[in-house]
Amino acid sequence: MGSDSLHQLVLAQLDDDQAQEVVSIPLEGKSSVADHMVIASGRSTRQVASMAQKLAEQIKKAGFGHARIEGLPAADWVLIDAGDVVVHLFRPEVRTFYNLERMWSFEGGEPQQGRA
């Protein structure tokens, strides 16, 4: 099971949880942080927290190990570090403020909307 399998699992789980504006940014060969960065929004702090917890559970259940979660108490911006895939879950206004898509998009390549 490689990073592509983990990436597909993340995208499928976010789709199941009705995440909004899911963007996947390929990082392989561009950053040592991870192979994929996925950014998505939830409608409320409650939905963001729920999506993060479910995603971490599914990652572990699928045999990818323990995903580290940061920012869960406030749930304005939650980071899930699953190793080869890093997931950022935001409330919409917080996502707009930080604009990670712009920061992490690379010349010659646009972030991919939805499933890769």
C-alpha atoms as a PDB file:
ATOM      1  CA  MET A   1       0.000   0.000   0.000  1.00  0.00           C
ATOM      2  CA  GLY A   2       1.591   3.217  -1.163  1.00  0.00           C
ATOM      3  CA  SER A   3       0.939   6.914  -1.044  1.00  0.00           C
ATOM      4  CA  ASP A   4      -1.478   6.744  -4.003  1.00  0.00           C
ATOM      5  CA  SER A   5      -3.691   4.239  -2.141  1.00  0.00           C
ATOM      6  CA  LEU A   6      -3.645   6.448   0.954  1.00  0.00           C
ATOM      7  CA  HIS A   7      -4.426   9.501  -1.198  1.00  0.00           C
ATOM      8  CA  GLN A   8      -7.439   7.754  -2.762  1.00  0.00           C
ATOM      9  CA  LEU A   9      -8.672   6.671   0.678  1.00  0.00           C
ATOM     10  CA  VAL A  10      -8.464  10.267   1.933  1.00  0.00           C
ATOM     11  CA  LEU A  11     -10.351  11.633  -1.084  1.00  0.00           C
ATOM     12  CA  ALA A  12     -13.039   8.944  -0.825  1.00  0.00           C
ATOM     13  CA  GLN A  13     -13.560   9.534   2.913  1.00  0.00           C
ATOM     14  CA  LEU A  14     -13.797  13.308   2.454  1.00  0.00           C
ATOM     15  CA  ASP A  15     -16.345  12.740  -0.319  1.00  0.00           C
ATOM     16  CA  ASP A  16     -18.366  10.436   1.983  1.00  0.00           C
ATOM     17  CA  ASP A  17     -18.278  13.093   4.705  1.00  0.00           C
ATOM     18  CA  GLN A  18     -19.498  15.775   2.266  1.00  0.00           C
ATOM     19  CA  ALA A  19     -16.368  17.915   2.503  1.00  0.00           C
ATOM     20  CA  GLN A  20     -16.581  21.048   0.389  1.00  0.00           C
ATOM     21  CA  GLU A  21     -14.117  22.391  -2.173  1.00  0.00           C
ATOM     22  CA  VAL A  22     -11.689  19.474  -1.975  1.00  0.00           C
ATOM     23  CA  VAL A  23      -8.352  20.326  -3.592  1.00  0.00           C
ATOM     24  CA  SER A  24      -5.433  17.935  -4.003  1.00  0.00           C
ATOM     25  CA  ILE A  25      -1.941  19.334  -4.557  1.00  0.00           C
ATOM     26  CA  PRO A  26       0.718  16.880  -5.779  1.00  0.00           C
ATOM     27  CA  LEU A  27       3.969  17.395  -3.860  1.00  0.00           C
ATOM     28  CA  GLU A  28       5.968  14.359  -5.001  1.00  0.00           C
ATOM     29  CA  GLY A  29       9.404  15.508  -6.137  1.00  0.00           C
ATOM     30  CA  LYS A  30       8.661  19.077  -5.017  1.00  0.00           C
ATOM     31  CA  SER A  31       8.683  18.723  -1.238  1.00  0.00           C
ATOM     32  CA  SER A  32       9.989  16.249   1.298  1.00  0.00           C
ATOM     33  CA  VAL A  33       6.972  16.965   3.526  1.00  0.00           C
ATOM     34  CA  ALA A  34       4.594  14.552   1.752  1.00  0.00           C
ATOM     35  CA  ASP A  35       3.584  13.234  -1.672  1.00  0.00           C
ATOM     36  CA  HIS A  36       0.107  14.804  -1.567  1.00  0.00           C
ATOM     37  CA  MET A  37      -1.559  17.699   0.225  1.00  0.00           C
ATOM     38  CA  VAL A  38      -5.333  17.693   0.416  1.00  0.00           C
ATOM     39  CA  ILE A  39      -7.254  20.805   1.439  1.00  0.00           C
ATOM     40  CA  ALA A  40     -10.995  20.788   2.159  1.00  0.00           C
ATOM     41  CA  SER A  41     -13.656  22.761   3.985  1.00  0.00           C
ATOM     42  CA  GLY A  42     -16.425  21.857   6.370  1.00  0.00           C
ATOM     43  CA  ARG A  43     -19.527  23.930   7.019  1.00  0.00           C
ATOM     44  CA  SER A  44     -18.907  24.231  10.777  1.00  0.00           C
ATOM     45  CA  THR A  45     -16.358  23.452  13.472  1.00  0.00           C
ATOM     46  CA  ARG A  46     -18.449  20.413  14.353  1.00  0.00           C
ATOM     47  CA  GLN A  47     -18.252  19.035  10.791  1.00  0.00           C
ATOM     48  CA  VAL A  48     -14.509  19.783  10.551  1.00  0.00           C
ATOM     49  CA  ALA A  49     -13.861  17.918  13.822  1.00  0.00           C
ATOM     50  CA  SER A  50     -16.046  14.983  12.778  1.00  0.00           C
ATOM     51  CA  MET A  51     -14.346  14.701   9.366  1.00  0.00           C
ATOM     52  CA  ALA A  52     -10.894  14.755  10.995  1.00  0.00           C
ATOM     53  CA  GLN A  53     -11.748  12.045  13.505  1.00  0.00           C
ATOM     54  CA  LYS A  54     -13.399   9.789  10.909  1.00  0.00           C
ATOM     55  CA  LEU A  55     -10.498  10.258   8.509  1.00  0.00           C
ATOM     56  CA  ALA A  56      -7.919   9.332  11.163  1.00  0.00           C
ATOM     57  CA  GLU A  57      -9.973   6.239  12.070  1.00  0.00           C
ATOM     58  CA  GLN A  58     -10.243   5.123   8.428  1.00  0.00           C
ATOM     59  CA  ILE A  59      -6.512   5.639   7.830  1.00  0.00           C
ATOM     60  CA  LYS A  60      -5.680   3.446  10.826  1.00  0.00           C
ATOM     61  CA  LYS A  61      -8.354   0.867   9.943  1.00  0.00           C
ATOM     62  CA  ALA A  62      -6.945   0.562   6.393  1.00  0.00           C
ATOM     63  CA  GLY A  63      -3.504  -0.261   7.791  1.00  0.00           C
ATOM     64  CA  PHE A  64      -1.710   3.020   7.099  1.00  0.00           C
ATOM     65  CA  GLY A  65      -0.821   3.539  10.746  1.00  0.00           C
ATOM     66  CA  HIS A  66      -1.673   6.239  13.223  1.00  0.00           C
ATOM     67  CA  ALA A  67      -2.457   9.673  11.731  1.00  0.00           C
ATOM     68  CA  ARG A  68      -1.457  12.637  13.870  1.00  0.00           C
ATOM     69  CA  ILE A  69      -4.135  15.313  14.376  1.00  0.00           C
ATOM     70  CA  GLU A  70      -3.471  18.942  15.331  1.00  0.00           C
ATOM     71  CA  GLY A  71      -6.023  21.693  15.995  1.00  0.00           C
ATOM     72  CA  LEU A  72      -8.940  19.493  16.986  1.00  0.00           C
ATOM     73  CA  PRO A  73     -10.176  21.374  20.058  1.00  0.00           C
ATOM     74  CA  ALA A  74     -10.941  24.603  18.156  1.00  0.00           C
ATOM     75  CA  ALA A  75     -11.569  22.852  14.792  1.00  0.00           C
ATOM     76  CA  ASP A  76     -11.178  26.046  12.756  1.00  0.00           C
ATOM     77  CA  TRP A  77      -8.169  24.481  11.018  1.00  0.00           C
ATOM     78  CA  VAL A  78      -7.337  20.832  11.600  1.00  0.00           C
ATOM     79  CA  LEU A  79      -4.190  19.205  10.248  1.00  0.00           C
ATOM     80  CA  ILE A  80      -4.078  15.436   9.752  1.00  0.00           C
ATOM     81  CA  ASP A  81      -0.566  14.139   9.135  1.00  0.00           C
ATOM     82  CA  ALA A  82      -0.845  10.675   7.616  1.00  0.00           C
ATOM     83  CA  GLY A  83       2.769  10.554   6.443  1.00  0.00           C
ATOM     84  CA  ASP A  84       2.688  10.602   2.641  1.00  0.00           C
ATOM     85  CA  VAL A  85      -0.584  12.566   2.653  1.00  0.00           C
ATOM     86  CA  VAL A  86      -1.153  15.732   4.674  1.00  0.00           C
ATOM     87  CA  VAL A  87      -4.747  16.928   5.027  1.00  0.00           C
ATOM     88  CA  HIS A  88      -5.880  20.423   6.010  1.00  0.00           C
ATOM     89  CA  LEU A  89      -9.537  20.806   7.012  1.00  0.00           C
ATOM     90  CA  PHE A  90     -10.906  24.332   7.454  1.00  0.00           C
ATOM     91  CA  ARG A  91     -13.991  26.324   8.178  1.00  0.00           C
ATOM     92  CA  PRO A  92     -14.514  28.357   4.941  1.00  0.00           C
ATOM     93  CA  GLU A  93     -13.575  31.799   6.315  1.00  0.00           C
ATOM     94  CA  VAL A  94     -10.396  30.446   7.934  1.00  0.00           C
ATOM     95  CA  ARG A  95      -9.444  28.725   4.671  1.00  0.00           C
ATOM     96  CA  THR A  96      -9.898  31.969   2.756  1.00  0.00           C
ATOM     97  CA  PHE A  97      -7.712  33.821   5.249  1.00  0.00           C
ATOM     98  CA  TYR A  98      -4.758  31.398   5.030  1.00  0.00           C
ATOM     99  CA  ASN A  99      -5.155  30.555   1.318  1.00  0.00           C
ATOM    100  CA  LEU A 100      -2.891  27.469   1.395  1.00  0.00           C
ATOM    101  CA  GLU A 101      -3.768  26.575  -2.190  1.00  0.00           C
ATOM    102  CA  ARG A 102      -1.993  29.675  -3.428  1.00  0.00           C
ATOM    103  CA  MET A 103       0.970  29.188  -1.110  1.00  0.00           C
ATOM    104  CA  TRP A 104       1.536  25.558  -2.157  1.00  0.00           C
ATOM    105  CA  SER A 105       0.696  25.692  -5.864  1.00  0.00           C
ATOM    106  CA  PHE A 106       3.804  25.438  -8.006  1.00  0.00           C
ATOM    107  CA  GLU A 107       4.599  27.074 -11.313  1.00  0.00           C
ATOM    108  CA  GLY A 108       3.452  24.969 -14.229  1.00  0.00           C
ATOM    109  CA  GLY A 109       1.011  22.964 -12.131  1.00  0.00           C
ATOM    110  CA  GLU A 110      -2.363  23.895 -10.792  1.00  0.00           C
ATOM    111  CA  PRO A 111      -3.943  22.195  -7.804  1.00  0.00           C
ATOM    112  CA  GLN A 112      -6.343  19.434  -8.827  1.00  0.00           C
ATOM    113  CA  GLN A 113      -9.997  19.761  -7.902  1.00  0.00           C
ATOM    114  CA  GLY A 114     -11.567  16.711  -6.296  1.00  0.00           C
ATOM    115  CA  ARG A 115     -10.381  13.214  -7.088  1.00  0.00           C
ATOM    116  CA  ALA A 116      -7.010  12.796  -8.738  1.00  0.00           C
END
